[in-house]
């Protein structure tokens, strides 16, 4: 079965480079999280998901496993299935036998990921219509031309919504809601990490083996390739912690000593202790997230959680 892939990434290396340089020159400096996911970064993220401290992936999997039938009944069968942030497609694949979708759309920023996932799934499900869309949907979700007028299920697992600020999460989910509203019977199936003990949250992003630290520092290797810069990743310490007053995990790279880094034809000094902000991951209470869904225009919400209430899965229609 031949699978079509539509590549919609705007290829403007100059603009992307300028954005990255501006972030590094800002006070405080910042690097967009998308630079985590080069080949090594993606492999390290996969390893993070297997760590004992990193509970979100396995807890979401437990919720899915315990509630497949109930969730499938809430959604209904035969909808179009849109996998936002496809990755290896394993999470979505677990739903295919239960939801029996009419079509499968894989949406991811990495073309190679989309190609590999669709190649694998098309062999296992040769009769299922599949399409890939290569896009940075965090910058706007434009899938109206890809969808039929029949019901659609948007699938956004893994608490990736936490990478948006609450203020940005609402318009993103509203863009999903508009696509759902135009196709009655549609909805959003989304996984969300919950607020909990600060020590547990911090440990999930600063593991004892240092895998998350390697993941965070590797972003500088990617930046070096893009900018031909000379960051020394070993000269920066990983800082990952829960900022309770902001309700979010923050990840930073902190200069161990004074660093003089060359990029974009000039230098920037990072004094000892100066940080580069690399990621946020917002956490919610169930009520807080249901308010966000309501603000985004969803009117019906169902929720499933694990016994410890560490994580929640919502179906919003």
C-alpha atoms as a PDB file:
ATOM      1  CA  UNK A   1       0.000   0.000   0.000  1.00  0.00           C
ATOM      2  CA  UNK A   2       1.429   3.360  -1.019  1.00  0.00           C
ATOM      3  CA  UNK A   3       1.186   6.012   1.692  1.00  0.00           C
ATOM      4  CA  UNK A   4       1.140   9.707   0.807  1.00  0.00           C
ATOM      5  CA  UNK A   5       3.124  12.181   2.879  1.00  0.00           C
ATOM      6  CA  UNK A   6       2.466  15.906   2.659  1.00  0.00           C
ATOM      7  CA  UNK A   7       5.447  17.950   3.852  1.00  0.00           C
ATOM      8  CA  UNK A   8       4.292  21.366   5.044  1.00  0.00           C
ATOM      9  CA  UNK A   9       7.225  22.529   7.078  1.00  0.00           C
ATOM     10  CA  UNK A  10       8.168  26.026   6.041  1.00  0.00           C
ATOM     11  CA  UNK A  11      11.739  25.733   4.878  1.00  0.00           C
ATOM     12  CA  UNK A  12      13.230  29.078   5.813  1.00  0.00           C
ATOM     13  CA  UNK A  13      16.597  28.254   7.351  1.00  0.00           C
ATOM     14  CA  UNK A  14      17.461  31.945   7.599  1.00  0.00           C
ATOM     15  CA  UNK A  15      14.405  32.738   9.701  1.00  0.00           C
ATOM     16  CA  UNK A  16      14.901  29.681  11.913  1.00  0.00           C
ATOM     17  CA  UNK A  17      18.551  30.588  12.410  1.00  0.00           C
ATOM     18  CA  UNK A  18      17.633  34.184  13.279  1.00  0.00           C
ATOM     19  CA  UNK A  19      15.068  32.952  15.833  1.00  0.00           C
ATOM     20  CA  UNK A  20      17.635  30.663  17.458  1.00  0.00           C
ATOM     21  CA  UNK A  21      20.298  33.401  17.550  1.00  0.00           C
ATOM     22  CA  UNK A  22      17.826  35.877  19.055  1.00  0.00           C
ATOM     23  CA  UNK A  23      16.974  33.406  21.792  1.00  0.00           C
ATOM     24  CA  UNK A  24      20.618  32.837  22.635  1.00  0.00           C
ATOM     25  CA  UNK A  25      21.314  36.563  22.777  1.00  0.00           C
ATOM     26  CA  UNK A  26      18.286  37.266  24.975  1.00  0.00           C
ATOM     27  CA  UNK A  27      18.561  37.835  28.712  1.00  0.00           C
ATOM     28  CA  UNK A  28      17.928  35.214  29.934  1.00  0.00           C
ATOM     29  CA  UNK A  29      18.883  33.056  26.973  1.00  0.00           C
ATOM     30  CA  UNK A  30      16.538  30.383  25.645  1.00  0.00           C
ATOM     31  CA  UNK A  31      16.548  27.578  23.083  1.00  0.00           C
ATOM     32  CA  UNK A  32      13.267  26.311  21.534  1.00  0.00           C
ATOM     33  CA  UNK A  33      12.511  22.739  22.698  1.00  0.00           C
ATOM     34  CA  UNK A  34      12.272  21.481  19.107  1.00  0.00           C
ATOM     35  CA  UNK A  35      16.093  21.431  19.043  1.00  0.00           C
ATOM     36  CA  UNK A  36      16.050  18.567  21.557  1.00  0.00           C
ATOM     37  CA  UNK A  37      14.946  16.121  18.909  1.00  0.00           C
ATOM     38  CA  UNK A  38      17.866  15.315  16.678  1.00  0.00           C
ATOM     39  CA  UNK A  39      18.617  11.612  16.218  1.00  0.00           C
ATOM     40  CA  UNK A  40      20.474  11.288  19.542  1.00  0.00           C
ATOM     41  CA  UNK A  41      17.965  13.451  21.396  1.00  0.00           C
ATOM     42  CA  UNK A  42      15.070  11.314  20.198  1.00  0.00           C
ATOM     43  CA  UNK A  43      16.882   8.175  21.368  1.00  0.00           C
ATOM     44  CA  UNK A  44      17.590   9.740  24.756  1.00  0.00           C
ATOM     45  CA  UNK A  45      13.952  10.752  25.131  1.00  0.00           C
ATOM     46  CA  UNK A  46      12.971   7.145  24.487  1.00  0.00           C
ATOM     47  CA  UNK A  47      15.334   6.119  27.276  1.00  0.00           C
ATOM     48  CA  UNK A  48      13.852   8.737  29.618  1.00  0.00           C
ATOM     49  CA  UNK A  49      10.429   7.166  29.179  1.00  0.00           C
ATOM     50  CA  UNK A  50      11.831   3.891  30.569  1.00  0.00           C
ATOM     51  CA  UNK A  51      13.321   5.454  33.726  1.00  0.00           C
ATOM     52  CA  UNK A  52      11.823   4.547  37.116  1.00  0.00           C
ATOM     53  CA  UNK A  53      11.507   8.243  38.017  1.00  0.00           C
ATOM     54  CA  UNK A  54       9.646   9.130  34.821  1.00  0.00           C
ATOM     55  CA  UNK A  55       6.124   7.945  35.607  1.00  0.00           C
ATOM     56  CA  UNK A  56       4.007   9.791  32.941  1.00  0.00           C
ATOM     57  CA  UNK A  57       4.470   7.362  30.035  1.00  0.00           C
ATOM     58  CA  UNK A  58       3.793   4.159  31.952  1.00  0.00           C
ATOM     59  CA  UNK A  59       0.983   5.735  33.997  1.00  0.00           C
ATOM     60  CA  UNK A  60      -0.812   6.912  30.868  1.00  0.00           C
ATOM     61  CA  UNK A  61      -0.315   3.432  29.399  1.00  0.00           C
ATOM     62  CA  UNK A  62      -1.895   1.934  32.529  1.00  0.00           C
ATOM     63  CA  UNK A  63      -4.906   4.241  32.249  1.00  0.00           C
ATOM     64  CA  UNK A  64      -5.346   3.355  28.587  1.00  0.00           C
ATOM     65  CA  UNK A  65      -5.055  -0.357  29.321  1.00  0.00           C
ATOM     66  CA  UNK A  66      -7.557  -0.308  32.160  1.00  0.00           C
ATOM     67  CA  UNK A  67     -10.120   1.806  30.313  1.00  0.00           C
ATOM     68  CA  UNK A  68      -9.818   0.892  26.602  1.00  0.00           C
ATOM     69  CA  UNK A  69     -13.393  -0.277  26.259  1.00  0.00           C
ATOM     70  CA  UNK A  70     -14.931   2.620  28.200  1.00  0.00           C
ATOM     71  CA  UNK A  71     -12.899   5.185  26.267  1.00  0.00           C
ATOM     72  CA  UNK A  72     -13.658   3.502  22.944  1.00  0.00           C
ATOM     73  CA  UNK A  73     -17.363   3.532  23.817  1.00  0.00           C
ATOM     74  CA  UNK A  74     -17.171   7.249  24.553  1.00  0.00           C
ATOM     75  CA  UNK A  75     -15.488   7.924  21.216  1.00  0.00           C
ATOM     76  CA  UNK A  76     -17.290   5.464  18.960  1.00  0.00           C
ATOM     77  CA  UNK A  77     -15.841   3.441  16.106  1.00  0.00           C
ATOM     78  CA  UNK A  78     -15.116   4.349  12.505  1.00  0.00           C
ATOM     79  CA  UNK A  79     -13.889   7.906  13.024  1.00  0.00           C
ATOM     80  CA  UNK A  80     -10.911   9.431  11.305  1.00  0.00           C
ATOM     81  CA  UNK A  81      -7.921   9.204  13.664  1.00  0.00           C
ATOM     82  CA  UNK A  82      -5.440  12.092  13.803  1.00  0.00           C
ATOM     83  CA  UNK A  83      -2.246  11.265  15.696  1.00  0.00           C
ATOM     84  CA  UNK A  84      -0.719  14.570  16.828  1.00  0.00           C
ATOM     85  CA  UNK A  85       2.999  14.182  17.492  1.00  0.00           C
ATOM     86  CA  UNK A  86       3.082  10.681  16.076  1.00  0.00           C
ATOM     87  CA  UNK A  87       6.548   9.601  17.168  1.00  0.00           C
ATOM     88  CA  UNK A  88       6.882   5.853  16.743  1.00  0.00           C
ATOM     89  CA  UNK A  89       3.098   5.477  16.548  1.00  0.00           C
ATOM     90  CA  UNK A  90       2.973   2.829  19.282  1.00  0.00           C
ATOM     91  CA  UNK A  91       0.490   4.732  21.464  1.00  0.00           C
ATOM     92  CA  UNK A  92      -1.862   5.280  18.532  1.00  0.00           C
ATOM     93  CA  UNK A  93      -1.489   1.688  17.376  1.00  0.00           C
ATOM     94  CA  UNK A  94      -2.945   0.454  20.636  1.00  0.00           C
ATOM     95  CA  UNK A  95      -6.222   2.149  19.738  1.00  0.00           C
ATOM     96  CA  UNK A  96      -6.614   0.921  16.181  1.00  0.00           C
ATOM     97  CA  UNK A  97      -8.238  -2.444  17.025  1.00  0.00           C
ATOM     98  CA  UNK A  98     -10.665  -0.745  19.421  1.00  0.00           C
ATOM     99  CA  UNK A  99     -11.651   2.326  17.413  1.00  0.00           C
ATOM    100  CA  UNK A 100     -11.417   0.698  13.965  1.00  0.00           C
ATOM    101  CA  UNK A 101     -10.817   4.091  12.323  1.00  0.00           C
ATOM    102  CA  UNK A 102     -11.762   4.880   8.752  1.00  0.00           C
ATOM    103  CA  UNK A 103      -8.485   6.753   8.162  1.00  0.00           C
ATOM    104  CA  UNK A 104      -5.235   7.379  10.016  1.00  0.00           C
ATOM    105  CA  UNK A 105      -3.348  10.689   9.787  1.00  0.00           C
ATOM    106  CA  UNK A 106       0.139  10.855  11.283  1.00  0.00           C
ATOM    107  CA  UNK A 107       1.204  14.431  12.101  1.00  0.00           C
ATOM    108  CA  UNK A 108       4.758  15.102  13.247  1.00  0.00           C
ATOM    109  CA  UNK A 109       7.535  17.641  12.774  1.00  0.00           C
ATOM    110  CA  UNK A 110      10.051  14.956  11.710  1.00  0.00           C
ATOM    111  CA  UNK A 111       9.555  13.535   8.214  1.00  0.00           C
ATOM    112  CA  UNK A 112      11.776  10.526   8.919  1.00  0.00           C
ATOM    113  CA  UNK A 113       9.585   9.619  11.907  1.00  0.00           C
ATOM    114  CA  UNK A 114       6.412   9.863   9.835  1.00  0.00           C
ATOM    115  CA  UNK A 115       7.929   7.750   7.057  1.00  0.00           C
ATOM    116  CA  UNK A 116       9.113   5.014   9.430  1.00  0.00           C
ATOM    117  CA  UNK A 117       5.868   4.876  11.387  1.00  0.00           C
ATOM    118  CA  UNK A 118       3.607   4.770   8.340  1.00  0.00           C
ATOM    119  CA  UNK A 119       5.836   2.194   6.680  1.00  0.00           C
ATOM    120  CA  UNK A 120       5.452  -0.072   9.710  1.00  0.00           C
ATOM    121  CA  UNK A 121       1.750   0.503  10.291  1.00  0.00           C
ATOM    122  CA  UNK A 122       0.784   0.140   6.639  1.00  0.00           C
ATOM    123  CA  UNK A 123       2.175  -3.403   6.681  1.00  0.00           C
ATOM    124  CA  UNK A 124       0.174  -4.294   9.792  1.00  0.00           C
ATOM    125  CA  UNK A 125      -2.992  -2.539   8.602  1.00  0.00           C
ATOM    126  CA  UNK A 126      -2.925  -2.775   4.794  1.00  0.00           C
ATOM    127  CA  UNK A 127      -6.625  -1.940   4.408  1.00  0.00           C
ATOM    128  CA  UNK A 128      -6.506   1.244   6.497  1.00  0.00           C
ATOM    129  CA  UNK A 129      -6.141   4.484   4.534  1.00  0.00           C
ATOM    130  CA  UNK A 130      -3.109   6.362   5.864  1.00  0.00           C
ATOM    131  CA  UNK A 131      -1.570   9.755   5.288  1.00  0.00           C
ATOM    132  CA  UNK A 132       1.368  11.607   6.778  1.00  0.00           C
ATOM    133  CA  UNK A 133       1.524  15.347   7.420  1.00  0.00           C
ATOM    134  CA  UNK A 134       4.918  16.838   8.236  1.00  0.00           C
ATOM    135  CA  UNK A 135       4.250  20.052  10.127  1.00  0.00           C
ATOM    136  CA  UNK A 136       4.998  21.997  13.280  1.00  0.00           C
ATOM    137  CA  UNK A 137       1.413  21.996  14.503  1.00  0.00           C
ATOM    138  CA  UNK A 138       2.386  23.973  17.604  1.00  0.00           C
ATOM    139  CA  UNK A 139       2.600  26.953  15.237  1.00  0.00           C
ATOM    140  CA  UNK A 140      -0.898  26.347  13.891  1.00  0.00           C
ATOM    141  CA  UNK A 141      -3.099  23.367  13.151  1.00  0.00           C
ATOM    142  CA  UNK A 142      -4.274  23.515   9.546  1.00  0.00           C
ATOM    143  CA  UNK A 143      -5.778  20.139   8.711  1.00  0.00           C
ATOM    144  CA  UNK A 144      -9.167  21.155   7.311  1.00  0.00           C
ATOM    145  CA  UNK A 145      -8.109  20.157   3.785  1.00  0.00           C
ATOM    146  CA  UNK A 146      -6.901  16.748   4.970  1.00  0.00           C
ATOM    147  CA  UNK A 147     -10.079  15.686   6.702  1.00  0.00           C
ATOM    148  CA  UNK A 148     -13.302  14.313   5.298  1.00  0.00           C
ATOM    149  CA  UNK A 149     -16.611  15.635   6.628  1.00  0.00           C
ATOM    150  CA  UNK A 150     -17.031  12.582   8.871  1.00  0.00           C
ATOM    151  CA  UNK A 151     -16.275  12.441  12.641  1.00  0.00           C
ATOM    152  CA  UNK A 152     -12.632  12.642  13.673  1.00  0.00           C
ATOM    153  CA  UNK A 153     -10.735  11.706  16.820  1.00  0.00           C
ATOM    154  CA  UNK A 154      -7.720  13.877  17.633  1.00  0.00           C
ATOM    155  CA  UNK A 155      -5.174  11.982  19.741  1.00  0.00           C
ATOM    156  CA  UNK A 156      -2.645  14.005  21.770  1.00  0.00           C
ATOM    157  CA  UNK A 157      -1.072  11.771  24.439  1.00  0.00           C
ATOM    158  CA  UNK A 158       1.969  12.058  26.669  1.00  0.00           C
ATOM    159  CA  UNK A 159       1.110  15.358  28.363  1.00  0.00           C
ATOM    160  CA  UNK A 160       2.741  17.224  25.474  1.00  0.00           C
ATOM    161  CA  UNK A 161       0.106  19.915  26.035  1.00  0.00           C
ATOM    162  CA  UNK A 162       2.220  20.837  29.073  1.00  0.00           C
ATOM    163  CA  UNK A 163       4.845  22.336  26.767  1.00  0.00           C
ATOM    164  CA  UNK A 164       2.358  25.108  25.968  1.00  0.00           C
ATOM    165  CA  UNK A 165       1.747  27.870  28.464  1.00  0.00           C
ATOM    166  CA  UNK A 166      -1.882  27.755  29.659  1.00  0.00           C
ATOM    167  CA  UNK A 167      -2.489  30.924  27.647  1.00  0.00           C
ATOM    168  CA  UNK A 168      -1.177  29.254  24.477  1.00  0.00           C
ATOM    169  CA  UNK A 169      -2.833  25.896  25.179  1.00  0.00           C
ATOM    170  CA  UNK A 170      -6.311  27.426  24.882  1.00  0.00           C
ATOM    171  CA  UNK A 171      -5.997  28.705  21.272  1.00  0.00           C
ATOM    172  CA  UNK A 172      -4.257  25.486  20.230  1.00  0.00           C
ATOM    173  CA  UNK A 173      -7.071  23.347  21.633  1.00  0.00           C
ATOM    174  CA  UNK A 174      -9.620  25.775  20.210  1.00  0.00           C
ATOM    175  CA  UNK A 175      -8.176  25.092  16.750  1.00  0.00           C
ATOM    176  CA  UNK A 176      -8.850  21.396  17.405  1.00  0.00           C
ATOM    177  CA  UNK A 177     -12.340  22.207  18.688  1.00  0.00           C
ATOM    178  CA  UNK A 178     -13.199  24.135  15.519  1.00  0.00           C
ATOM    179  CA  UNK A 179     -12.268  21.133  13.396  1.00  0.00           C
ATOM    180  CA  UNK A 180     -14.376  18.939  15.680  1.00  0.00           C
ATOM    181  CA  UNK A 181     -17.345  21.316  15.615  1.00  0.00           C
ATOM    182  CA  UNK A 182     -17.434  21.167  11.809  1.00  0.00           C
ATOM    183  CA  UNK A 183     -17.690  17.364  12.038  1.00  0.00           C
ATOM    184  CA  UNK A 184     -20.333  16.351  14.606  1.00  0.00           C
ATOM    185  CA  UNK A 185     -19.357  13.291  16.601  1.00  0.00           C
ATOM    186  CA  UNK A 186     -15.706  14.366  16.831  1.00  0.00           C
ATOM    187  CA  UNK A 187     -13.521  14.863  19.887  1.00  0.00           C
ATOM    188  CA  UNK A 188     -10.090  15.174  21.479  1.00  0.00           C
ATOM    189  CA  UNK A 189      -8.435  12.337  23.444  1.00  0.00           C
ATOM    190  CA  UNK A 190      -5.616  13.906  25.445  1.00  0.00           C
ATOM    191  CA  UNK A 191      -3.245  12.861  28.243  1.00  0.00           C
ATOM    192  CA  UNK A 192      -2.299  15.378  30.951  1.00  0.00           C
ATOM    193  CA  UNK A 193       0.158  15.205  33.847  1.00  0.00           C
ATOM    194  CA  UNK A 194      -1.225  16.241  37.212  1.00  0.00           C
ATOM    195  CA  UNK A 195       0.172  18.437  39.967  1.00  0.00           C
ATOM    196  CA  UNK A 196       1.641  16.416  42.818  1.00  0.00           C
ATOM    197  CA  UNK A 197       4.494  16.296  45.300  1.00  0.00           C
ATOM    198  CA  UNK A 198       7.241  18.642  44.131  1.00  0.00           C
ATOM    199  CA  UNK A 199      10.001  16.125  44.903  1.00  0.00           C
ATOM    200  CA  UNK A 200       8.424  13.470  42.660  1.00  0.00           C
ATOM    201  CA  UNK A 201       7.903  15.949  39.854  1.00  0.00           C
ATOM    202  CA  UNK A 202      11.462  17.234  40.078  1.00  0.00           C
ATOM    203  CA  UNK A 203      12.904  13.697  40.160  1.00  0.00           C
ATOM    204  CA  UNK A 204      11.043  12.834  36.949  1.00  0.00           C
ATOM    205  CA  UNK A 205      13.038  15.551  35.169  1.00  0.00           C
ATOM    206  CA  UNK A 206      16.356  15.074  36.978  1.00  0.00           C
ATOM    207  CA  UNK A 207      16.885  11.328  37.200  1.00  0.00           C
ATOM    208  CA  UNK A 208      19.618   9.618  39.172  1.00  0.00           C
ATOM    209  CA  UNK A 209      21.278   8.084  36.083  1.00  0.00           C
ATOM    210  CA  UNK A 210      21.598  11.456  34.394  1.00  0.00           C
ATOM    211  CA  UNK A 211      19.737  10.502  31.213  1.00  0.00           C
ATOM    212  CA  UNK A 212      17.641  13.676  31.303  1.00  0.00           C
ATOM    213  CA  UNK A 213      20.823  15.683  31.891  1.00  0.00           C
ATOM    214  CA  UNK A 214      22.353  14.150  28.751  1.00  0.00           C
ATOM    215  CA  UNK A 215      19.144  14.859  26.839  1.00  0.00           C
ATOM    216  CA  UNK A 216      19.197  18.490  27.949  1.00  0.00           C
ATOM    217  CA  UNK A 217      22.896  19.055  27.235  1.00  0.00           C
ATOM    218  CA  UNK A 218      22.628  17.382  23.823  1.00  0.00           C
ATOM    219  CA  UNK A 219      20.554  20.338  22.640  1.00  0.00           C
ATOM    220  CA  UNK A 220      23.843  22.263  22.491  1.00  0.00           C
ATOM    221  CA  UNK A 221      25.287  19.698  20.073  1.00  0.00           C
ATOM    222  CA  UNK A 222      22.308  20.330  17.798  1.00  0.00           C
ATOM    223  CA  UNK A 223      22.723  24.104  18.128  1.00  0.00           C
ATOM    224  CA  UNK A 224      26.417  23.753  17.244  1.00  0.00           C
ATOM    225  CA  UNK A 225      25.495  22.037  13.991  1.00  0.00           C
ATOM    226  CA  UNK A 226      22.876  24.606  13.085  1.00  0.00           C
ATOM    227  CA  UNK A 227      24.901  27.714  13.962  1.00  0.00           C
ATOM    228  CA  UNK A 228      28.456  26.348  13.623  1.00  0.00           C
ATOM    229  CA  UNK A 229      28.852  27.525  17.200  1.00  0.00           C
ATOM    230  CA  UNK A 230      31.281  26.180  19.788  1.00  0.00           C
ATOM    231  CA  UNK A 231      29.199  25.418  22.878  1.00  0.00           C
ATOM    232  CA  UNK A 232      30.828  22.836  25.137  1.00  0.00           C
ATOM    233  CA  UNK A 233      27.911  20.769  26.480  1.00  0.00           C
ATOM    234  CA  UNK A 234      30.044  19.417  29.332  1.00  0.00           C
ATOM    235  CA  UNK A 235      30.559  22.987  30.573  1.00  0.00           C
ATOM    236  CA  UNK A 236      26.855  23.333  31.379  1.00  0.00           C
ATOM    237  CA  UNK A 237      24.983  21.624  34.201  1.00  0.00           C
ATOM    238  CA  UNK A 238      21.448  20.314  33.834  1.00  0.00           C
ATOM    239  CA  UNK A 239      18.857  21.966  36.043  1.00  0.00           C
ATOM    240  CA  UNK A 240      15.402  20.404  36.075  1.00  0.00           C
ATOM    241  CA  UNK A 241      12.955  21.268  38.843  1.00  0.00           C
ATOM    242  CA  UNK A 242       9.324  21.931  39.673  1.00  0.00           C
ATOM    243  CA  UNK A 243       8.559  25.645  40.068  1.00  0.00           C
ATOM    244  CA  UNK A 244       5.479  25.238  42.255  1.00  0.00           C
ATOM    245  CA  UNK A 245       4.451  28.888  42.141  1.00  0.00           C
ATOM    246  CA  UNK A 246       4.240  28.654  38.339  1.00  0.00           C
ATOM    247  CA  UNK A 247       2.805  25.144  38.260  1.00  0.00           C
ATOM    248  CA  UNK A 248       5.463  23.930  35.860  1.00  0.00           C
ATOM    249  CA  UNK A 249       8.639  21.973  35.458  1.00  0.00           C
ATOM    250  CA  UNK A 250      11.494  24.118  34.175  1.00  0.00           C
ATOM    251  CA  UNK A 251      14.609  22.835  32.446  1.00  0.00           C
ATOM    252  CA  UNK A 252      17.722  24.953  32.124  1.00  0.00           C
ATOM    253  CA  UNK A 253      21.387  24.609  31.256  1.00  0.00           C
ATOM    254  CA  UNK A 254      23.582  26.417  33.778  1.00  0.00           C
ATOM    255  CA  UNK A 255      27.122  27.530  33.000  1.00  0.00           C
ATOM    256  CA  UNK A 256      29.489  25.766  35.395  1.00  0.00           C
ATOM    257  CA  UNK A 257      32.126  28.450  34.906  1.00  0.00           C
ATOM    258  CA  UNK A 258      32.537  31.508  32.703  1.00  0.00           C
ATOM    259  CA  UNK A 259      31.922  30.504  29.080  1.00  0.00           C
ATOM    260  CA  UNK A 260      32.744  32.491  25.958  1.00  0.00           C
ATOM    261  CA  UNK A 261      30.766  31.077  23.051  1.00  0.00           C
ATOM    262  CA  UNK A 262      31.056  32.084  19.410  1.00  0.00           C
ATOM    263  CA  UNK A 263      28.042  32.014  17.114  1.00  0.00           C
ATOM    264  CA  UNK A 264      26.656  34.102  14.276  1.00  0.00           C
ATOM    265  CA  UNK A 265      29.979  35.876  13.759  1.00  0.00           C
ATOM    266  CA  UNK A 266      30.238  37.200  17.309  1.00  0.00           C
ATOM    267  CA  UNK A 267      30.682  35.993  20.873  1.00  0.00           C
ATOM    268  CA  UNK A 268      28.485  35.850  23.940  1.00  0.00           C
ATOM    269  CA  UNK A 269      29.719  35.433  27.484  1.00  0.00           C
ATOM    270  CA  UNK A 270      27.782  33.161  29.841  1.00  0.00           C
ATOM    271  CA  UNK A 271      28.913  33.921  33.363  1.00  0.00           C
ATOM    272  CA  UNK A 272      29.122  31.126  35.940  1.00  0.00           C
ATOM    273  CA  UNK A 273      25.600  30.334  37.098  1.00  0.00           C
ATOM    274  CA  UNK A 274      23.929  31.948  34.079  1.00  0.00           C
ATOM    275  CA  UNK A 275      21.191  29.793  32.603  1.00  0.00           C
ATOM    276  CA  UNK A 276      19.765  28.927  29.201  1.00  0.00           C
ATOM    277  CA  UNK A 277      16.057  28.071  29.428  1.00  0.00           C
ATOM    278  CA  UNK A 278      15.273  24.975  27.352  1.00  0.00           C
ATOM    279  CA  UNK A 279      11.797  23.740  28.320  1.00  0.00           C
ATOM    280  CA  UNK A 280       8.659  24.169  30.420  1.00  0.00           C
ATOM    281  CA  UNK A 281       6.168  21.426  31.251  1.00  0.00           C
ATOM    282  CA  UNK A 282       2.990  22.685  32.904  1.00  0.00           C
ATOM    283  CA  UNK A 283       1.078  20.489  35.349  1.00  0.00           C
ATOM    284  CA  UNK A 284      -2.608  20.765  36.200  1.00  0.00           C
ATOM    285  CA  UNK A 285      -5.293  19.657  38.601  1.00  0.00           C
ATOM    286  CA  UNK A 286      -8.238  17.926  36.902  1.00  0.00           C
ATOM    287  CA  UNK A 287     -10.462  20.960  37.467  1.00  0.00           C
ATOM    288  CA  UNK A 288      -7.825  23.349  36.086  1.00  0.00           C
ATOM    289  CA  UNK A 289      -7.519  21.384  32.873  1.00  0.00           C
ATOM    290  CA  UNK A 290     -11.262  21.013  32.444  1.00  0.00           C
ATOM    291  CA  UNK A 291     -11.509  24.803  32.672  1.00  0.00           C
ATOM    292  CA  UNK A 292      -8.954  25.072  29.840  1.00  0.00           C
ATOM    293  CA  UNK A 293     -11.009  22.655  27.739  1.00  0.00           C
ATOM    294  CA  UNK A 294     -14.137  24.717  28.387  1.00  0.00           C
ATOM    295  CA  UNK A 295     -12.295  27.912  27.442  1.00  0.00           C
ATOM    296  CA  UNK A 296     -11.268  26.182  24.202  1.00  0.00           C
ATOM    297  CA  UNK A 297     -14.935  25.551  23.383  1.00  0.00           C
ATOM    298  CA  UNK A 298     -15.422  21.923  24.398  1.00  0.00           C
ATOM    299  CA  UNK A 299     -18.736  21.337  26.164  1.00  0.00           C
ATOM    300  CA  UNK A 300     -18.598  17.657  27.144  1.00  0.00           C
ATOM    301  CA  UNK A 301     -15.638  16.157  29.012  1.00  0.00           C
ATOM    302  CA  UNK A 302     -15.003  12.673  30.404  1.00  0.00           C
ATOM    303  CA  UNK A 303     -11.990  11.830  32.552  1.00  0.00           C
ATOM    304  CA  UNK A 304     -10.070   8.685  33.539  1.00  0.00           C
ATOM    305  CA  UNK A 305      -7.225   8.525  36.087  1.00  0.00           C
ATOM    306  CA  UNK A 306      -4.891   6.034  37.733  1.00  0.00           C
ATOM    307  CA  UNK A 307      -5.337   5.005  41.367  1.00  0.00           C
ATOM    308  CA  UNK A 308      -2.799   7.554  42.630  1.00  0.00           C
ATOM    309  CA  UNK A 309      -4.279  10.380  40.527  1.00  0.00           C
ATOM    310  CA  UNK A 310      -0.839  11.057  39.044  1.00  0.00           C
ATOM    311  CA  UNK A 311      -2.089  11.453  35.486  1.00  0.00           C
ATOM    312  CA  UNK A 312      -5.381  12.001  33.681  1.00  0.00           C
ATOM    313  CA  UNK A 313      -6.825  11.144  30.275  1.00  0.00           C
ATOM    314  CA  UNK A 314      -9.628  13.362  29.008  1.00  0.00           C
ATOM    315  CA  UNK A 315     -12.038  12.917  26.124  1.00  0.00           C
ATOM    316  CA  UNK A 316     -13.505  16.283  25.171  1.00  0.00           C
ATOM    317  CA  UNK A 317     -16.235  16.805  22.597  1.00  0.00           C
END
